[in-house]
C-alpha atoms as a PDB file:
ATOM      1  CA  MET A   1      -0.735  17.815  -0.127  1.00  0.00           C
ATOM      2  CA  LYS A   2       0.667  16.946  -3.333  1.00  0.00           C
ATOM      3  CA  LEU A   3       0.812  13.468  -4.684  1.00  0.00           C
ATOM      4  CA  MET A   4       4.066  12.389  -6.139  1.00  0.00           C
ATOM      5  CA  GLU A   5       4.419  10.491  -9.071  1.00  0.00           C
ATOM      6  CA  PHE A   6       6.400   7.932 -11.060  1.00  0.00           C
ATOM      7  CA  GLY A   7       9.883   9.670 -11.402  1.00  0.00           C
ATOM      8  CA  GLU A   8       9.753  11.717  -8.824  1.00  0.00           C
ATOM      9  CA  PRO A   9      13.429  11.466  -7.079  1.00  0.00           C
ATOM     10  CA  LEU A  10      11.752  10.852  -2.988  1.00  0.00           C
ATOM     11  CA  LEU A  11      10.176   7.635  -4.847  1.00  0.00           C
ATOM     12  CA  ARG A  12      12.796   6.131  -5.235  1.00  0.00           C
ATOM     13  CA  GLN A  13      14.301   6.760  -1.667  1.00  0.00           C
ATOM     14  CA  LYS A  14      15.243   5.218   1.303  1.00  0.00           C
ATOM     15  CA  ALA A  15      12.106   6.552   4.036  1.00  0.00           C
ATOM     16  CA  ARG A  16      14.648   8.512   7.120  1.00  0.00           C
ATOM     17  CA  LYS A  17      13.309   6.387  10.222  1.00  0.00           C
ATOM     18  CA  ILE A  18      11.381   8.501  12.757  1.00  0.00           C
ATOM     19  CA  LYS A  19      12.429   8.765  16.512  1.00  0.00           C
ATOM     20  CA  THR A  20      10.280   7.579  19.388  1.00  0.00           C
ATOM     21  CA  ALA A  21       9.956  11.258  20.377  1.00  0.00           C
ATOM     22  CA  GLU A  22       9.045  12.572  17.020  1.00  0.00           C
ATOM     23  CA  ILE A  23       6.304  10.591  16.557  1.00  0.00           C
ATOM     24  CA  LYS A  24       4.455  11.974  19.583  1.00  0.00           C
ATOM     25  CA  THR A  25       5.302  15.483  18.434  1.00  0.00           C
ATOM     26  CA  LYS A  26       2.342  17.913  16.858  1.00  0.00           C
ATOM     27  CA  LYS A  27       3.644  18.134  13.364  1.00  0.00           C
ATOM     28  CA  PHE A  28       3.819  14.119  13.513  1.00  0.00           C
ATOM     29  CA  GLN A  29       0.237  13.767  14.227  1.00  0.00           C
ATOM     30  CA  ALA A  30      -0.673  16.395  11.878  1.00  0.00           C
ATOM     31  CA  LEU A  31       0.967  14.871   9.103  1.00  0.00           C
ATOM     32  CA  ILE A  32      -0.266  11.295  10.407  1.00  0.00           C
ATOM     33  CA  LYS A  33      -3.914  12.985  10.467  1.00  0.00           C
ATOM     34  CA  GLU A  34      -3.515  14.843   7.134  1.00  0.00           C
ATOM     35  CA  MET A  35      -2.553  11.775   5.272  1.00  0.00           C
ATOM     36  CA  LYS A  36      -5.601   9.642   6.714  1.00  0.00           C
ATOM     37  CA  GLU A  37      -8.173  12.067   5.149  1.00  0.00           C
ATOM     38  CA  PHE A  38      -6.474  12.541   2.040  1.00  0.00           C
ATOM     39  CA  LEU A  39      -6.526   8.381   1.523  1.00  0.00           C
ATOM     40  CA  ALA A  40      -9.995   8.576   2.733  1.00  0.00           C
ATOM     41  CA  ASP A  41     -11.483  11.901   0.839  1.00  0.00           C
ATOM     42  CA  LYS A  42      -9.688  10.955  -2.193  1.00  0.00           C
ATOM     43  CA  LYS A  43     -10.959   7.847  -2.134  1.00  0.00           C
ATOM     44  CA  LEU A  44      -7.121   7.159  -4.191  1.00  0.00           C
ATOM     45  CA  GLY A  45      -6.084   3.709  -3.191  1.00  0.00           C
ATOM     46  CA  ILE A  46      -6.154   1.699  -0.090  1.00  0.00           C
ATOM     47  CA  GLY A  47      -2.410   2.762   0.793  1.00  0.00           C
ATOM     48  CA  LEU A  48      -0.386   6.104   1.219  1.00  0.00           C
ATOM     49  CA  ALA A  49       3.647   6.248   2.083  1.00  0.00           C
ATOM     50  CA  ALA A  50       4.439   9.423   3.243  1.00  0.00           C
ATOM     51  CA  PRO A  51       7.082   9.554   0.270  1.00  0.00           C
ATOM     52  CA  GLN A  52       4.198   9.692  -1.730  1.00  0.00           C
ATOM     53  CA  ILE A  53       3.152  13.075  -0.700  1.00  0.00           C
ATOM     54  CA  GLY A  54       7.031  14.268  -0.551  1.00  0.00           C
ATOM     55  CA  GLN A  55       7.376  13.599   3.314  1.00  0.00           C
ATOM     56  CA  ASP A  56      10.848  11.845   4.104  1.00  0.00           C
ATOM     57  CA  ALA A  57       9.527   9.845   6.994  1.00  0.00           C
ATOM     58  CA  SER A  58       8.812   5.792   7.478  1.00  0.00           C
ATOM     59  CA  LEU A  59       5.347   5.892   7.695  1.00  0.00           C
ATOM     60  CA  ALA A  60       2.401   4.413   5.945  1.00  0.00           C
ATOM     61  CA  ILE A  61      -1.137   4.179   6.583  1.00  0.00           C
ATOM     62  CA  ILE A  62      -3.210   1.726   5.236  1.00  0.00           C
ATOM     63  CA  LEU A  63      -7.015   2.354   4.701  1.00  0.00           C
ATOM     64  CA  ILE A  64      -8.777  -0.604   3.136  1.00  0.00           C
ATOM     65  CA  GLN A  65     -12.280  -0.334   2.924  1.00  0.00           C
ATOM     66  CA  PRO A  66     -15.269  -2.435   0.202  1.00  0.00           C
ATOM     67  CA  THR A  67     -15.680  -1.142  -3.057  1.00  0.00           C
ATOM     68  CA  LYS A  68     -17.980  -1.640  -6.239  1.00  0.00           C
ATOM     69  CA  HIS A  69     -14.596  -4.179  -7.517  1.00  0.00           C
ATOM     70  CA  ARG A  70     -14.006  -5.389  -4.297  1.00  0.00           C
ATOM     71  CA  SER A  71     -16.734  -5.313  -1.981  1.00  0.00           C
ATOM     72  CA  LYS A  72     -16.297  -8.636   0.191  1.00  0.00           C
ATOM     73  CA  VAL A  73     -12.988  -7.010   1.960  1.00  0.00           C
ATOM     74  CA  LYS A  74     -13.354  -6.503   5.136  1.00  0.00           C
ATOM     75  CA  LYS A  75     -12.215  -2.863   6.491  1.00  0.00           C
ATOM     76  CA  PHE A  76      -9.156  -2.455   7.719  1.00  0.00           C
ATOM     77  CA  GLU A  77      -7.197   0.268   8.933  1.00  0.00           C
ATOM     78  CA  LEU A  78      -3.982   0.441  10.200  1.00  0.00           C
ATOM     79  CA  THR A  79      -0.582   3.381  11.024  1.00  0.00           C
ATOM     80  CA  ILE A  80       2.839   1.764  10.225  1.00  0.00           C
ATOM     81  CA  ILE A  81       5.807   3.679  11.490  1.00  0.00           C
ATOM     82  CA  ASN A  82       9.191   2.656  11.157  1.00  0.00           C
ATOM     83  CA  PRO A  83       8.239  -0.788   9.770  1.00  0.00           C
ATOM     84  CA  GLU A  84      10.117  -4.007   9.382  1.00  0.00           C
ATOM     85  CA  ILE A  85       9.106  -7.254   7.523  1.00  0.00           C
ATOM     86  CA  ILE A  86      10.933  -9.839   9.654  1.00  0.00           C
ATOM     87  CA  LYS A  87       9.054 -13.452   8.556  1.00  0.00           C
ATOM     88  CA  THR A  88       7.027 -13.991   5.401  1.00  0.00           C
ATOM     89  CA  TYR A  89       5.514 -17.133   5.451  1.00  0.00           C
ATOM     90  CA  GLY A  90       4.804 -19.349   2.527  1.00  0.00           C
ATOM     91  CA  ARG A  91       5.639 -18.671  -1.448  1.00  0.00           C
ATOM     92  CA  LYS A  92       4.583 -15.859  -3.005  1.00  0.00           C
ATOM     93  CA  SER A  93       1.605 -15.717  -5.339  1.00  0.00           C
ATOM     94  CA  GLN A  94       0.889 -13.058  -8.100  1.00  0.00           C
ATOM     95  CA  MET A  95      -1.337 -10.268  -6.506  1.00  0.00           C
ATOM     96  CA  TRP A  96      -3.038  -7.613  -9.107  1.00  0.00           C
ATOM     97  CA  GLU A  97      -1.949  -4.175  -7.882  1.00  0.00           C
ATOM     98  CA  GLY A  98      -1.531  -0.080  -8.980  1.00  0.00           C
ATOM     99  CA  CYS A  99      -0.524   2.807  -7.498  1.00  0.00           C
ATOM    100  CA  ILE A 100      -1.232   5.796  -6.464  1.00  0.00           C
ATOM    101  CA  SER A 101       1.875   7.147  -7.645  1.00  0.00           C
ATOM    102  CA  GLY A 102       1.503   5.153 -11.494  1.00  0.00           C
ATOM    103  CA  GLY A 103      -0.488   8.324 -12.515  1.00  0.00           C
ATOM    104  CA  SER A 104      -4.038   9.754 -12.745  1.00  0.00           C
ATOM    105  CA  THR A 105      -7.216   6.822 -11.932  1.00  0.00           C
ATOM    106  CA  LYS A 106      -8.178   6.574 -15.324  1.00  0.00           C
ATOM    107  CA  ALA A 107      -4.791   6.088 -16.409  1.00  0.00           C
ATOM    108  CA  GLY A 108      -3.211   4.368 -14.010  1.00  0.00           C
ATOM    109  CA  LEU A 109      -1.435   0.827 -14.578  1.00  0.00           C
ATOM    110  CA  PHE A 110      -1.942  -2.305 -12.317  1.00  0.00           C
ATOM    111  CA  ALA A 111       0.257  -5.297 -13.073  1.00  0.00           C
ATOM    112  CA  ARG A 112       0.737  -8.938 -11.342  1.00  0.00           C
ATOM    113  CA  VAL A 113       3.121  -8.862  -8.714  1.00  0.00           C
ATOM    114  CA  PRO A 114       4.406 -11.771  -6.455  1.00  0.00           C
ATOM    115  CA  ARG A 115       3.466 -11.279  -2.823  1.00  0.00           C
ATOM    116  CA  TYR A 116       3.766 -13.640   0.057  1.00  0.00           C
ATOM    117  CA  LYS A 117       0.572 -14.223   1.711  1.00  0.00           C
ATOM    118  CA  LYS A 118       0.845 -14.007   5.031  1.00  0.00           C
ATOM    119  CA  ILE A 119       3.845 -11.951   6.475  1.00  0.00           C
ATOM    120  CA  GLU A 120       5.064 -10.688  10.385  1.00  0.00           C
ATOM    121  CA  LEU A 121       5.426  -6.831  10.654  1.00  0.00           C
ATOM    122  CA  LYS A 122       7.137  -5.100  13.159  1.00  0.00           C
ATOM    123  CA  TYR A 123       6.115  -1.674  13.457  1.00  0.00           C
ATOM    124  CA  GLN A 124       5.396   1.484  15.639  1.00  0.00           C
ATOM    125  CA  ASP A 125       2.168   2.790  15.955  1.00  0.00           C
ATOM    126  CA  VAL A 126       0.737   6.811  16.496  1.00  0.00           C
ATOM    127  CA  ARG A 127       1.923   6.730  20.060  1.00  0.00           C
ATOM    128  CA  GLY A 128       5.362   5.230  19.403  1.00  0.00           C
ATOM    129  CA  GLN A 129       4.547   1.515  20.968  1.00  0.00           C
ATOM    130  CA  SER A 130       6.610  -1.024  19.317  1.00  0.00           C
ATOM    131  CA  PHE A 131       4.446  -4.107  17.996  1.00  0.00           C
ATOM    132  CA  HIS A 132       5.734  -7.610  16.465  1.00  0.00           C
ATOM    133  CA  LYS A 133       1.721  -9.031  14.526  1.00  0.00           C
ATOM    134  CA  VAL A 134       1.000 -11.349  11.818  1.00  0.00           C
ATOM    135  CA  PHE A 135      -0.800 -10.321   8.977  1.00  0.00           C
ATOM    136  CA  GLU A 136      -3.003 -12.109   6.237  1.00  0.00           C
ATOM    137  CA  GLY A 137      -4.367 -11.532   2.860  1.00  0.00           C
ATOM    138  CA  LEU A 138      -4.933  -7.875   1.465  1.00  0.00           C
ATOM    139  CA  PRO A 139      -3.327  -6.497   4.148  1.00  0.00           C
ATOM    140  CA  ALA A 140       0.073  -7.915   4.333  1.00  0.00           C
ATOM    141  CA  GLN A 141      -0.157  -7.438   0.411  1.00  0.00           C
ATOM    142  CA  VAL A 142      -0.763  -3.670   1.052  1.00  0.00           C
ATOM    143  CA  ILE A 143       1.589  -3.469   3.917  1.00  0.00           C
ATOM    144  CA  GLN A 144       4.304  -5.158   1.458  1.00  0.00           C
ATOM    145  CA  HIS A 145       3.469  -2.416  -1.145  1.00  0.00           C
ATOM    146  CA  GLU A 146       3.918   0.661   1.334  1.00  0.00           C
ATOM    147  CA  VAL A 147       7.389  -0.947   2.795  1.00  0.00           C
ATOM    148  CA  ASP A 148       8.777  -1.216  -0.164  1.00  0.00           C
ATOM    149  CA  HIS A 149       8.139   2.256  -1.080  1.00  0.00           C
ATOM    150  CA  LEU A 150       9.375   2.970   2.132  1.00  0.00           C
ATOM    151  CA  SER A 151      12.539   1.694   0.565  1.00  0.00           C
ATOM    152  CA  GLY A 152      12.094   3.438  -2.842  1.00  0.00           C
ATOM    153  CA  VAL A 153      10.700   0.184  -4.459  1.00  0.00           C
ATOM    154  CA  LEU A 154       7.650   0.478  -6.365  1.00  0.00           C
ATOM    155  CA  PHE A 155       5.878  -2.134  -7.712  1.00  0.00           C
ATOM    156  CA  VAL A 156       6.353  -1.739 -11.289  1.00  0.00           C
ATOM    157  CA  ASP A 157       9.816  -3.156  -9.899  1.00  0.00           C
ATOM    158  CA  ARG A 158       8.321  -6.205  -8.437  1.00  0.00           C
ATOM    159  CA  VAL A 159       6.344  -6.919 -11.618  1.00  0.00           C
ATOM    160  CA  LYS A 160       7.926 -10.695 -13.032  1.00  0.00           C
ATOM    161  CA  ASP A 161       5.780 -10.564 -16.392  1.00  0.00           C
ATOM    162  CA  SER A 162       5.656  -7.850 -17.962  1.00  0.00           C
ATOM    163  CA  LYS A 163       2.286  -8.876 -20.247  1.00  0.00           C
ATOM    164  CA  THR A 164       0.347  -8.370 -17.305  1.00  0.00           C
ATOM    165  CA  PHE A 165       0.856  -4.932 -17.177  1.00  0.00           C
ATOM    166  CA  VAL A 166      -2.970  -3.141 -17.797  1.00  0.00           C
ATOM    167  CA  THR A 167      -4.753  -0.062 -17.651  1.00  0.00           C
ATOM    168  CA  TYR A 168      -6.926   0.781 -14.224  1.00  0.00           C
ATOM    169  CA  ARG A 169     -10.119   0.450 -16.837  1.00  0.00           C
ATOM    170  CA  ASN A 170      -9.030  -3.357 -18.028  1.00  0.00           C
ATOM    171  CA  TYR A 171      -8.097  -3.792 -14.493  1.00  0.00           C
ATOM    172  CA  LEU A 172     -11.489  -3.164 -13.702  1.00  0.00           C
ATOM    173  CA  LYS A 173     -12.983  -5.848 -16.251  1.00  0.00           C
ATOM    174  CA  ILE A 174     -10.623  -8.245 -15.238  1.00  0.00           C
ATOM    175  CA  ILE A 175     -11.557  -8.311 -11.930  1.00  0.00           C
ATOM    176  CA  LYS A 176     -15.313  -8.091 -12.785  1.00  0.00           C
ATOM    177  CA  ASN A 177     -14.996 -11.399 -14.953  1.00  0.00           C
ATOM    178  CA  SER A 178     -12.997 -13.101 -12.158  1.00  0.00           C
ATOM    179  CA  SER A 179     -15.468 -12.675  -9.577  1.00  0.00           C
ATOM    180  CA  ALA A 180     -18.516 -13.857 -12.657  1.00  0.00           C
ATOM    181  CA  ARG A 181     -16.351 -17.027 -13.043  1.00  0.00           C
ATOM    182  CA  THR A 182     -15.576 -17.321  -9.178  1.00  0.00           C
ATOM    183  CA  ASN A 183     -19.758 -16.803  -8.663  1.00  0.00           C
ATOM    184  CA  ALA A 184     -20.667 -19.585 -11.553  1.00  0.00           C
ATOM    185  CA  LYS A 185     -18.515 -22.117 -10.153  1.00  0.00           C
ATOM    186  CA  LYS A 186     -20.366 -21.981  -6.467  1.00  0.00           C
END
């Protein structure tokens, strides 16, 4: 499986909707499994959309796990097919974001992106079953990022303040310093 990087034309295209009958095929189920393994094994990020691996399919995997710099997040896993954000709540907040298609981890870019903290999503699961669910916090942020990928939108398109762009190394410093300040206030 090859990771597509910024500049690849497929990342700028709207992904193909998947018919329920196709979701149930061995080929599509194998793609889901490969994407989950790729994301888990490579520890590249917390979300992966099919176009990022060269597949024209409206499919994304979200796999949030605690890490050294995100130690308090709750584990969260979700496969979304043909997702559509149907409702947003409140105002957007500036949240740190990066993308595994933005370059290798050590050279990757991060920036603050305006995202909703709470959304309602319509999607299908791995069995083709339809759902309407509300998501909050980090899962909501990641879902918005992945739905953007499926629409040909990259996180860099959403950045309002270009001065917030930082490398991965500097992003880790900012997160560490932010955590230290938060802990000092308690």
